Amino acid sequence: MLKNELRKIYLQKRKAISTKKASEFHENILANFEQFLPQEIRTAHIYLPIIDKAEIDTWPIIKFLWSKNIQVVVPKIESNTLMTTWHLTPETKLVENQYKVPEPIDAELANNESIDMIILPLLVCDIHGNRVGYGKGYYDAFLSSINRDLLKVGLGYFSPIDEKFTVNTWDVPLDYCITPEAVVRF
């Protein structure tokens, strides 16, 4: 199956989740994340949710990370291929970009080498940790630009699928996926 086909299917499935069910899923994902978080994490890169696309609400996870004195950094899209990283604090002002992604406007640029863990958005992943996102390639390019390995964690509404789909040489697989039901290690 092609990623584009899976993308359409799982966008529809995600949009079909009721507000009540999504809230329940978010609580379960947060609880699973709290149990999962490795003690050695000092800086976490996390996406800010696109509300219009019914993405998993990462704000409870961000607040949890802050409560553990973990620095939080977030992405900002600079061009068609470049994503930079900025510190996020409770005082950081945000504005939506062209994709309706909230981005910092008054933050300090982060050092990518300090990132211990990256939390990625996804529509679905397979049983090997290969992720299907929106198809823009920002995260794969970002991960390829970092000169060391870091913990790659996806947040998803759906369990990994046992379905073969196209994987490109530049795709970077996840180490873990956190769903409402479980923490899956690849």
N, C-alpha and C. Protein backbone atom coordinates (compact mmCIF):
# COMPACT_ATOMS: atom_id res chain seq x y z
N MET A 1 0.85 -1.18 0.00
CA MET A 1 0.00 0.00 0.00
C MET A 1 0.90 1.25 0.00
N LEU A 2 0.45 2.29 -0.63
CA LEU A 2 1.20 3.53 -0.66
C LEU A 2 0.91 4.38 0.57
N LYS A 3 1.90 5.18 0.95
CA LYS A 3 1.70 6.07 2.10
C LYS A 3 0.53 7.01 1.89
N ASN A 4 0.36 7.50 0.65
CA ASN A 4 -0.76 8.42 0.38
C ASN A 4 -2.11 7.78 0.67
N GLU A 5 -2.25 6.50 0.36
CA GLU A 5 -3.49 5.78 0.65
C GLU A 5 -3.71 5.66 2.15
N LEU A 6 -2.66 5.26 2.87
CA LEU A 6 -2.75 5.16 4.32
C LEU A 6 -3.04 6.52 4.95
N ARG A 7 -2.41 7.55 4.43
CA ARG A 7 -2.61 8.91 4.93
C ARG A 7 -4.10 9.28 4.86
N LYS A 8 -4.72 9.03 3.72
CA LYS A 8 -6.15 9.34 3.55
C LYS A 8 -7.01 8.53 4.52
N ILE A 9 -6.73 7.24 4.61
CA ILE A 9 -7.51 6.36 5.49
C ILE A 9 -7.43 6.82 6.94
N TYR A 10 -6.21 7.09 7.41
CA TYR A 10 -6.04 7.41 8.83
C TYR A 10 -6.40 8.85 9.17
N LEU A 11 -6.35 9.75 8.20
CA LEU A 11 -6.90 11.09 8.42
C LEU A 11 -8.41 10.99 8.65
N GLN A 12 -9.08 10.17 7.85
CA GLN A 12 -10.53 9.96 8.00
C GLN A 12 -10.84 9.31 9.34
N LYS A 13 -10.08 8.27 9.69
CA LYS A 13 -10.31 7.59 10.97
C LYS A 13 -10.11 8.55 12.14
N ARG A 14 -9.09 9.38 12.05
CA ARG A 14 -8.81 10.33 13.14
C ARG A 14 -9.92 11.37 13.25
N LYS A 15 -10.40 11.87 12.11
CA LYS A 15 -11.48 12.87 12.13
C LYS A 15 -12.78 12.27 12.66
N ALA A 16 -12.95 10.97 12.56
CA ALA A 16 -14.16 10.30 13.02
C ALA A 16 -14.19 10.09 14.54
N ILE A 17 -13.08 10.34 15.20
CA ILE A 17 -13.02 10.17 16.66
C ILE A 17 -13.79 11.32 17.30
N SER A 18 -14.73 10.99 18.17
CA SER A 18 -15.53 12.02 18.83
C SER A 18 -14.66 12.83 19.79
N THR A 19 -15.11 14.02 20.13
CA THR A 19 -14.39 14.88 21.06
C THR A 19 -14.23 14.19 22.41
N LYS A 20 -15.28 13.53 22.86
CA LYS A 20 -15.24 12.82 24.14
C LYS A 20 -14.21 11.69 24.10
N LYS A 21 -14.23 10.91 23.02
CA LYS A 21 -13.29 9.79 22.89
C LYS A 21 -11.86 10.31 22.76
N ALA A 22 -11.66 11.39 22.01
CA ALA A 22 -10.31 11.98 21.87
C ALA A 22 -9.79 12.42 23.22
N SER A 23 -10.62 13.02 24.03
CA SER A 23 -10.21 13.46 25.36
C SER A 23 -9.78 12.27 26.22
N GLU A 24 -10.53 11.19 26.13
CA GLU A 24 -10.19 9.95 26.84
C GLU A 24 -8.84 9.40 26.33
N PHE A 25 -8.67 9.39 25.01
CA PHE A 25 -7.41 8.93 24.42
C PHE A 25 -6.23 9.78 24.91
N HIS A 26 -6.42 11.10 24.95
CA HIS A 26 -5.35 12.00 25.39
C HIS A 26 -4.94 11.69 26.83
N GLU A 27 -5.93 11.46 27.70
CA GLU A 27 -5.63 11.11 29.10
C GLU A 27 -4.81 9.82 29.18
N ASN A 28 -5.20 8.83 28.37
CA ASN A 28 -4.48 7.54 28.38
C ASN A 28 -3.07 7.69 27.82
N ILE A 29 -2.93 8.49 26.77
CA ILE A 29 -1.60 8.71 26.19
C ILE A 29 -0.71 9.42 27.20
N LEU A 30 -1.24 10.42 27.89
CA LEU A 30 -0.47 11.11 28.92
C LEU A 30 -0.05 10.14 30.02
N ALA A 31 -0.96 9.31 30.49
CA ALA A 31 -0.63 8.34 31.55
C ALA A 31 0.46 7.38 31.07
N ASN A 32 0.36 6.90 29.84
CA ASN A 32 1.38 6.01 29.29
C ASN A 32 2.71 6.73 29.15
N PHE A 33 2.68 7.99 28.73
CA PHE A 33 3.90 8.78 28.59
C PHE A 33 4.56 8.98 29.96
N GLU A 34 3.77 9.30 30.97
CA GLU A 34 4.32 9.51 32.32
C GLU A 34 5.03 8.27 32.83
N GLN A 35 4.47 7.08 32.55
CA GLN A 35 5.10 5.82 32.95
C GLN A 35 6.36 5.53 32.14
N PHE A 36 6.36 5.96 30.90
CA PHE A 36 7.44 5.67 29.97
C PHE A 36 8.67 6.56 30.15
N LEU A 37 8.51 7.84 30.45
CA LEU A 37 9.58 8.83 30.38
C LEU A 37 10.87 8.37 31.06
N PRO A 38 11.95 8.20 30.27
CA PRO A 38 13.24 7.82 30.86
C PRO A 38 13.80 8.94 31.75
N GLN A 39 14.44 8.56 32.84
CA GLN A 39 14.97 9.54 33.80
C GLN A 39 16.08 10.40 33.23
N GLU A 40 16.80 9.91 32.24
CA GLU A 40 17.97 10.65 31.75
C GLU A 40 17.61 11.79 30.78
N ILE A 41 16.35 11.95 30.45
CA ILE A 41 15.94 12.99 29.50
C ILE A 41 16.07 14.37 30.16
N ARG A 42 16.80 15.27 29.49
CA ARG A 42 16.97 16.64 29.98
C ARG A 42 16.33 17.66 29.05
N THR A 43 16.30 17.36 27.74
CA THR A 43 15.69 18.25 26.75
C THR A 43 14.84 17.41 25.81
N ALA A 44 13.57 17.81 25.67
CA ALA A 44 12.64 17.09 24.80
C ALA A 44 12.13 18.02 23.71
N HIS A 45 12.20 17.55 22.49
CA HIS A 45 11.64 18.25 21.33
C HIS A 45 10.24 17.67 21.12
N ILE A 46 9.24 18.54 21.04
CA ILE A 46 7.86 18.07 20.90
C ILE A 46 7.10 18.99 19.96
N TYR A 47 6.20 18.42 19.22
CA TYR A 47 5.38 19.22 18.30
C TYR A 47 4.22 19.87 19.06
N LEU A 48 3.77 20.99 18.54
CA LEU A 48 2.57 21.64 19.06
C LEU A 48 1.40 21.23 18.16
N PRO A 49 0.26 20.86 18.74
CA PRO A 49 -0.82 20.26 17.95
C PRO A 49 -1.54 21.23 17.02
N ILE A 50 -1.94 20.68 15.88
CA ILE A 50 -2.80 21.40 14.94
C ILE A 50 -4.23 21.02 15.31
N ILE A 51 -4.94 21.93 15.92
CA ILE A 51 -6.29 21.65 16.41
C ILE A 51 -7.22 21.26 15.26
N ASP A 52 -7.14 21.96 14.13
CA ASP A 52 -8.02 21.69 12.98
C ASP A 52 -7.84 20.28 12.42
N LYS A 53 -6.68 19.67 12.66
CA LYS A 53 -6.43 18.33 12.12
C LYS A 53 -6.63 17.24 13.18
N ALA A 54 -7.21 17.63 14.31
CA ALA A 54 -7.51 16.68 15.40
C ALA A 54 -6.27 15.92 15.88
N GLU A 55 -5.13 16.60 15.89
CA GLU A 55 -3.91 15.96 16.39
C GLU A 55 -4.00 15.74 17.90
N ILE A 56 -3.19 14.83 18.37
CA ILE A 56 -3.12 14.57 19.80
C ILE A 56 -2.66 15.84 20.50
N ASP A 57 -3.37 16.20 21.55
CA ASP A 57 -3.05 17.41 22.32
C ASP A 57 -1.79 17.15 23.13
N THR A 58 -0.70 17.82 22.77
CA THR A 58 0.58 17.61 23.46
C THR A 58 0.76 18.54 24.67
N TRP A 59 -0.14 19.49 24.88
CA TRP A 59 0.04 20.43 25.99
C TRP A 59 0.11 19.75 27.36
N PRO A 60 -0.71 18.74 27.66
CA PRO A 60 -0.55 18.06 28.96
C PRO A 60 0.83 17.40 29.10
N ILE A 61 1.37 16.88 28.00
CA ILE A 61 2.71 16.28 28.04
C ILE A 61 3.76 17.37 28.26
N ILE A 62 3.60 18.49 27.59
CA ILE A 62 4.54 19.61 27.77
C ILE A 62 4.54 20.06 29.23
N LYS A 63 3.37 20.22 29.81
CA LYS A 63 3.27 20.64 31.22
C LYS A 63 3.90 19.60 32.14
N PHE A 64 3.71 18.33 31.82
CA PHE A 64 4.35 17.27 32.61
C PHE A 64 5.87 17.37 32.51
N LEU A 65 6.39 17.59 31.30
CA LEU A 65 7.84 17.73 31.13
C LEU A 65 8.37 18.91 31.93
N TRP A 66 7.67 20.04 31.87
CA TRP A 66 8.08 21.20 32.67
C TRP A 66 8.09 20.86 34.16
N SER A 67 7.09 20.09 34.62
CA SER A 67 7.02 19.73 36.05
C SER A 67 8.20 18.87 36.47
N LYS A 68 8.83 18.21 35.51
CA LYS A 68 10.01 17.37 35.77
C LYS A 68 11.31 18.12 35.50
N ASN A 69 11.21 19.45 35.30
CA ASN A 69 12.37 20.30 35.00
C ASN A 69 13.10 19.88 33.73
N ILE A 70 12.34 19.41 32.77
CA ILE A 70 12.90 19.04 31.47
C ILE A 70 12.68 20.23 30.53
N GLN A 71 13.75 20.64 29.85
CA GLN A 71 13.62 21.72 28.87
C GLN A 71 12.79 21.22 27.69
N VAL A 72 11.91 22.09 27.23
CA VAL A 72 11.05 21.75 26.10
C VAL A 72 11.43 22.65 24.93
N VAL A 73 11.64 22.02 23.78
CA VAL A 73 11.91 22.77 22.55
C VAL A 73 10.89 22.34 21.51
N VAL A 74 10.56 23.27 20.62
CA VAL A 74 9.53 23.01 19.61
C VAL A 74 10.03 23.42 18.23
N PRO A 75 9.43 22.85 17.19
CA PRO A 75 9.86 23.17 15.82
C PRO A 75 9.25 24.45 15.30
N LYS A 76 9.97 25.02 14.35
CA LYS A 76 9.47 26.17 13.60
C LYS A 76 9.90 25.96 12.15
N ILE A 77 8.94 26.05 11.23
CA ILE A 77 9.24 25.84 9.81
C ILE A 77 9.78 27.14 9.24
N GLU A 78 10.98 27.04 8.65
CA GLU A 78 11.65 28.23 8.10
C GLU A 78 11.53 28.31 6.57
N SER A 79 11.42 27.15 5.91
CA SER A 79 11.30 27.11 4.45
C SER A 79 10.65 25.79 4.06
N ASN A 80 10.64 25.48 2.78
CA ASN A 80 10.02 24.23 2.32
C ASN A 80 10.75 22.99 2.81
N THR A 81 11.99 23.14 3.25
CA THR A 81 12.75 21.97 3.68
C THR A 81 13.39 22.12 5.06
N LEU A 82 13.34 23.30 5.65
CA LEU A 82 14.09 23.56 6.88
C LEU A 82 13.16 23.75 8.08
N MET A 83 13.47 23.02 9.14
CA MET A 83 12.77 23.14 10.40
C MET A 83 13.82 23.46 11.46
N THR A 84 13.62 24.54 12.22
CA THR A 84 14.54 24.91 13.29
C THR A 84 13.88 24.62 14.64
N THR A 85 14.64 24.74 15.71
CA THR A 85 14.17 24.37 17.04
C THR A 85 14.31 25.54 18.00
N TRP A 86 13.25 25.78 18.78
CA TRP A 86 13.18 26.92 19.68
C TRP A 86 12.73 26.49 21.06
N HIS A 87 13.28 27.15 22.10
CA HIS A 87 12.88 26.87 23.47
C HIS A 87 11.43 27.30 23.69
N LEU A 88 10.69 26.51 24.44
CA LEU A 88 9.31 26.82 24.79
C LEU A 88 9.22 26.93 26.31
N THR A 89 8.71 28.05 26.78
CA THR A 89 8.46 28.26 28.20
C THR A 89 6.99 28.64 28.35
N PRO A 90 6.48 28.67 29.58
CA PRO A 90 5.08 29.09 29.75
C PRO A 90 4.81 30.51 29.25
N GLU A 91 5.84 31.33 29.13
CA GLU A 91 5.66 32.72 28.68
C GLU A 91 5.81 32.90 27.17
N THR A 92 6.22 31.88 26.46
CA THR A 92 6.47 31.99 25.03
C THR A 92 5.18 32.34 24.28
N LYS A 93 5.27 33.34 23.44
CA LYS A 93 4.13 33.71 22.58
C LYS A 93 4.18 32.84 21.33
N LEU A 94 2.98 32.45 20.86
CA LEU A 94 2.87 31.58 19.70
C LEU A 94 1.98 32.21 18.64
N VAL A 95 2.25 31.87 17.38
CA VAL A 95 1.42 32.29 16.26
C VAL A 95 1.35 31.12 15.28
N GLU A 96 0.21 30.95 14.61
CA GLU A 96 0.06 29.85 13.66
C GLU A 96 0.76 30.16 12.34
N ASN A 97 1.45 29.15 11.80
CA ASN A 97 2.09 29.31 10.49
C ASN A 97 1.10 28.96 9.38
N GLN A 98 1.58 28.84 8.14
CA GLN A 98 0.70 28.57 7.00
C GLN A 98 0.00 27.23 7.09
N TYR A 99 0.53 26.29 7.89
CA TYR A 99 -0.10 24.97 8.06
C TYR A 99 -0.98 24.92 9.31
N LYS A 100 -1.14 26.06 9.97
CA LYS A 100 -1.89 26.20 11.23
C LYS A 100 -1.18 25.54 12.41
N VAL A 101 0.13 25.41 12.30
CA VAL A 101 0.96 24.88 13.39
C VAL A 101 1.36 26.06 14.27
N PRO A 102 1.08 26.00 15.57
CA PRO A 102 1.56 27.07 16.46
C PRO A 102 3.09 27.07 16.50
N GLU A 103 3.67 28.27 16.38
CA GLU A 103 5.13 28.41 16.43
C GLU A 103 5.50 29.57 17.34
N PRO A 104 6.67 29.47 18.00
CA PRO A 104 7.11 30.55 18.88
C PRO A 104 7.54 31.78 18.08
N ILE A 105 7.24 32.95 18.61
CA ILE A 105 7.68 34.18 17.94
C ILE A 105 8.65 34.99 18.80
N ASP A 106 8.79 34.64 20.05
CA ASP A 106 9.69 35.41 20.92
C ASP A 106 10.59 34.49 21.74
N ALA A 107 11.00 33.39 21.12
CA ALA A 107 11.76 32.38 21.85
C ALA A 107 13.25 32.43 21.51
N GLU A 108 14.00 31.66 22.27
CA GLU A 108 15.44 31.54 22.05
C GLU A 108 15.71 30.30 21.20
N LEU A 109 16.59 30.44 20.21
CA LEU A 109 16.98 29.32 19.37
C LEU A 109 17.64 28.24 20.23
N ALA A 110 17.27 26.99 19.99
CA ALA A 110 17.82 25.87 20.78
C ALA A 110 18.98 25.22 20.04
N ASN A 111 19.83 24.58 20.81
CA ASN A 111 20.94 23.81 20.27
C ASN A 111 20.43 22.39 20.03
N ASN A 112 20.36 21.96 18.77
CA ASN A 112 19.85 20.63 18.46
C ASN A 112 20.64 19.50 19.10
N GLU A 113 21.90 19.75 19.38
CA GLU A 113 22.74 18.71 20.00
C GLU A 113 22.36 18.44 21.45
N SER A 114 21.56 19.32 22.05
CA SER A 114 21.15 19.10 23.45
C SER A 114 19.89 18.25 23.55
N ILE A 115 19.24 17.97 22.43
CA ILE A 115 17.98 17.22 22.45
C ILE A 115 18.25 15.74 22.75
N ASP A 116 17.54 15.22 23.76
CA ASP A 116 17.67 13.81 24.14
C ASP A 116 16.56 12.95 23.54
N MET A 117 15.41 13.59 23.32
CA MET A 117 14.23 12.85 22.87
C MET A 117 13.42 13.77 21.96
N ILE A 118 12.87 13.19 20.88
CA ILE A 118 11.96 13.93 20.01
C ILE A 118 10.62 13.19 19.98
N ILE A 119 9.57 13.96 20.17
CA ILE A 119 8.21 13.42 20.16
C ILE A 119 7.57 13.88 18.85
N LEU A 120 7.22 12.90 18.01
CA LEU A 120 6.77 13.18 16.65
C LEU A 120 5.28 12.94 16.46
N PRO A 121 4.66 13.76 15.61
CA PRO A 121 3.27 13.49 15.24
C PRO A 121 3.24 12.38 14.20
N LEU A 122 2.12 11.68 14.11
CA LEU A 122 1.95 10.67 13.08
C LEU A 122 0.48 10.38 12.89
N LEU A 123 0.18 9.83 11.75
CA LEU A 123 -1.17 9.33 11.50
C LEU A 123 -1.25 7.86 11.89
N VAL A 124 -0.22 7.12 11.51
CA VAL A 124 -0.12 5.70 11.85
C VAL A 124 1.34 5.28 11.64
N CYS A 125 1.72 4.18 12.25
CA CYS A 125 3.05 3.61 11.99
C CYS A 125 2.88 2.10 11.85
N ASP A 126 3.93 1.47 11.30
CA ASP A 126 3.87 0.02 11.15
C ASP A 126 4.57 -0.65 12.33
N ILE A 127 4.57 -1.97 12.33
CA ILE A 127 5.14 -2.73 13.44
C ILE A 127 6.66 -2.64 13.52
N HIS A 128 7.27 -1.94 12.57
CA HIS A 128 8.72 -1.73 12.57
C HIS A 128 9.07 -0.29 12.95
N GLY A 129 8.07 0.53 13.24
CA GLY A 129 8.32 1.91 13.63
C GLY A 129 8.37 2.90 12.47
N ASN A 130 8.05 2.46 11.27
CA ASN A 130 8.01 3.38 10.13
C ASN A 130 6.74 4.22 10.22
N ARG A 131 6.90 5.51 10.14
CA ARG A 131 5.84 6.47 10.42
C ARG A 131 5.21 7.00 9.14
N VAL A 132 3.89 7.18 9.18
CA VAL A 132 3.18 7.89 8.13
C VAL A 132 2.72 9.20 8.73
N GLY A 133 3.27 10.31 8.20
CA GLY A 133 2.86 11.64 8.65
C GLY A 133 2.11 12.33 7.55
N TYR A 134 2.29 13.63 7.44
CA TYR A 134 1.58 14.40 6.41
C TYR A 134 2.31 14.41 5.07
N GLY A 135 3.52 13.88 5.03
CA GLY A 135 4.22 13.73 3.76
C GLY A 135 5.10 14.90 3.35
N LYS A 136 5.34 15.84 4.24
CA LYS A 136 6.17 17.00 3.89
C LYS A 136 7.67 16.72 4.09
N GLY A 137 8.01 15.74 4.95
CA GLY A 137 9.41 15.35 5.14
C GLY A 137 10.22 16.20 6.11
N TYR A 138 9.58 17.11 6.82
CA TYR A 138 10.33 17.98 7.74
C TYR A 138 11.06 17.20 8.83
N TYR A 139 10.36 16.25 9.44
CA TYR A 139 10.99 15.52 10.55
C TYR A 139 12.11 14.61 10.09
N ASP A 140 11.94 13.94 8.96
CA ASP A 140 13.02 13.09 8.45
C ASP A 140 14.26 13.92 8.13
N ALA A 141 14.07 15.08 7.50
CA ALA A 141 15.20 15.96 7.19
C ALA A 141 15.85 16.46 8.48
N PHE A 142 15.04 16.82 9.45
CA PHE A 142 15.56 17.31 10.73
C PHE A 142 16.38 16.21 11.42
N LEU A 143 15.82 15.00 11.50
CA LEU A 143 16.52 13.90 12.16
C LEU A 143 17.81 13.54 11.44
N SER A 144 17.81 13.62 10.12
CA SER A 144 19.02 13.34 9.35
C SER A 144 20.11 14.38 9.58
N SER A 145 19.72 15.60 9.96
CA SER A 145 20.69 16.67 10.17
C SER A 145 21.37 16.60 11.53
N ILE A 146 20.82 15.81 12.44
CA ILE A 146 21.41 15.70 13.78
C ILE A 146 22.49 14.64 13.74
N ASN A 147 23.63 14.97 14.33
CA ASN A 147 24.81 14.11 14.21
C ASN A 147 24.89 12.98 15.24
N ARG A 148 23.80 12.72 15.91
CA ARG A 148 23.83 11.63 16.89
C ARG A 148 22.44 11.04 17.02
N ASP A 149 22.40 9.89 17.64
CA ASP A 149 21.13 9.22 17.82
C ASP A 149 20.40 9.85 19.01
N LEU A 150 19.11 9.99 18.88
CA LEU A 150 18.30 10.43 20.01
C LEU A 150 17.04 9.59 20.03
N LEU A 151 16.35 9.58 21.15
CA LEU A 151 15.16 8.77 21.32
C LEU A 151 14.03 9.35 20.49
N LYS A 152 13.44 8.53 19.61
CA LYS A 152 12.37 8.97 18.71
C LYS A 152 11.05 8.31 19.13
N VAL A 153 10.11 9.15 19.57
CA VAL A 153 8.86 8.67 20.12
C VAL A 153 7.69 9.25 19.33
N GLY A 154 6.83 8.40 18.82
CA GLY A 154 5.63 8.86 18.13
C GLY A 154 4.43 8.81 19.05
N LEU A 155 3.50 9.72 18.84
CA LEU A 155 2.23 9.70 19.56
C LEU A 155 1.14 9.39 18.56
N GLY A 156 0.36 8.34 18.82
CA GLY A 156 -0.67 7.95 17.86
C GLY A 156 -1.94 7.47 18.51
N TYR A 157 -3.05 7.72 17.84
CA TYR A 157 -4.34 7.21 18.30
C TYR A 157 -4.47 5.72 18.04
N PHE A 158 -3.73 5.21 17.03
CA PHE A 158 -3.93 3.84 16.57
C PHE A 158 -2.69 2.99 16.83
N SER A 159 -2.91 1.73 17.11
CA SER A 159 -1.81 0.78 17.30
C SER A 159 -1.06 0.61 15.99
N PRO A 160 0.23 0.24 16.05
CA PRO A 160 0.98 -0.01 14.82
C PRO A 160 0.30 -1.08 13.97
N ILE A 161 0.38 -0.87 12.67
CA ILE A 161 -0.29 -1.79 11.75
C ILE A 161 0.71 -2.78 11.15
N ASP A 162 0.22 -3.96 10.83
CA ASP A 162 1.04 -4.99 10.17
C ASP A 162 0.72 -4.94 8.68
N GLU A 163 1.00 -3.81 8.09
CA GLU A 163 0.69 -3.54 6.68
C GLU A 163 1.95 -3.00 6.04
N LYS A 164 2.37 -3.58 4.94
CA LYS A 164 3.55 -3.08 4.25
C LYS A 164 3.19 -1.82 3.47
N PHE A 165 4.05 -0.81 3.58
CA PHE A 165 3.89 0.39 2.78
C PHE A 165 5.26 0.89 2.37
N THR A 166 5.29 1.79 1.43
CA THR A 166 6.52 2.31 0.88
C THR A 166 7.34 3.00 1.96
N VAL A 167 8.59 2.59 2.10
CA VAL A 167 9.51 3.25 3.02
C VAL A 167 10.68 3.75 2.19
N ASN A 168 10.95 5.05 2.29
CA ASN A 168 12.04 5.65 1.52
C ASN A 168 13.35 5.55 2.29
N THR A 169 14.47 5.68 1.60
CA THR A 169 15.77 5.57 2.25
C THR A 169 15.99 6.68 3.27
N TRP A 170 15.32 7.82 3.12
CA TRP A 170 15.51 8.94 4.05
C TRP A 170 14.55 8.87 5.25
N ASP A 171 13.59 7.95 5.24
CA ASP A 171 12.66 7.83 6.37
C ASP A 171 13.40 7.33 7.61
N VAL A 172 13.14 7.96 8.74
CA VAL A 172 13.77 7.59 10.00
C VAL A 172 12.71 6.93 10.87
N PRO A 173 12.91 5.65 11.25
CA PRO A 173 11.90 4.95 12.04
C PRO A 173 11.90 5.40 13.51
N LEU A 174 10.77 5.18 14.15
CA LEU A 174 10.60 5.48 15.57
C LEU A 174 11.28 4.42 16.42
N ASP A 175 11.61 4.80 17.66
CA ASP A 175 12.06 3.83 18.66
C ASP A 175 10.86 3.31 19.46
N TYR A 176 9.88 4.21 19.68
CA TYR A 176 8.68 3.89 20.45
C TYR A 176 7.48 4.58 19.83
N CYS A 177 6.30 4.02 20.08
CA CYS A 177 5.05 4.69 19.77
C CYS A 177 4.16 4.59 21.01
N ILE A 178 3.62 5.71 21.43
CA ILE A 178 2.72 5.73 22.58
C ILE A 178 1.31 5.94 22.06
N THR A 179 0.46 4.98 22.37
CA THR A 179 -0.95 5.01 21.98
C THR A 179 -1.80 5.04 23.24
N PRO A 180 -3.12 5.15 23.11
CA PRO A 180 -3.96 5.09 24.31
C PRO A 180 -3.87 3.75 25.04
N GLU A 181 -3.53 2.68 24.31
CA GLU A 181 -3.49 1.35 24.91
C GLU A 181 -2.13 0.94 25.45
N ALA A 182 -1.04 1.45 24.87
CA ALA A 182 0.26 0.89 25.21
C ALA A 182 1.42 1.79 24.80
N VAL A 183 2.59 1.42 25.32
CA VAL A 183 3.86 1.96 24.83
C VAL A 183 4.49 0.84 24.04
N VAL A 184 4.66 1.04 22.74
CA VAL A 184 5.18 0.02 21.84
C VAL A 184 6.63 0.32 21.55
N ARG A 185 7.50 -0.67 21.76
CA ARG A 185 8.93 -0.52 21.46
C ARG A 185 9.24 -1.23 20.16
N PHE A 186 10.04 -0.58 19.31
CA PHE A 186 10.40 -1.18 18.02
C PHE A 186 11.84 -1.68 18.06
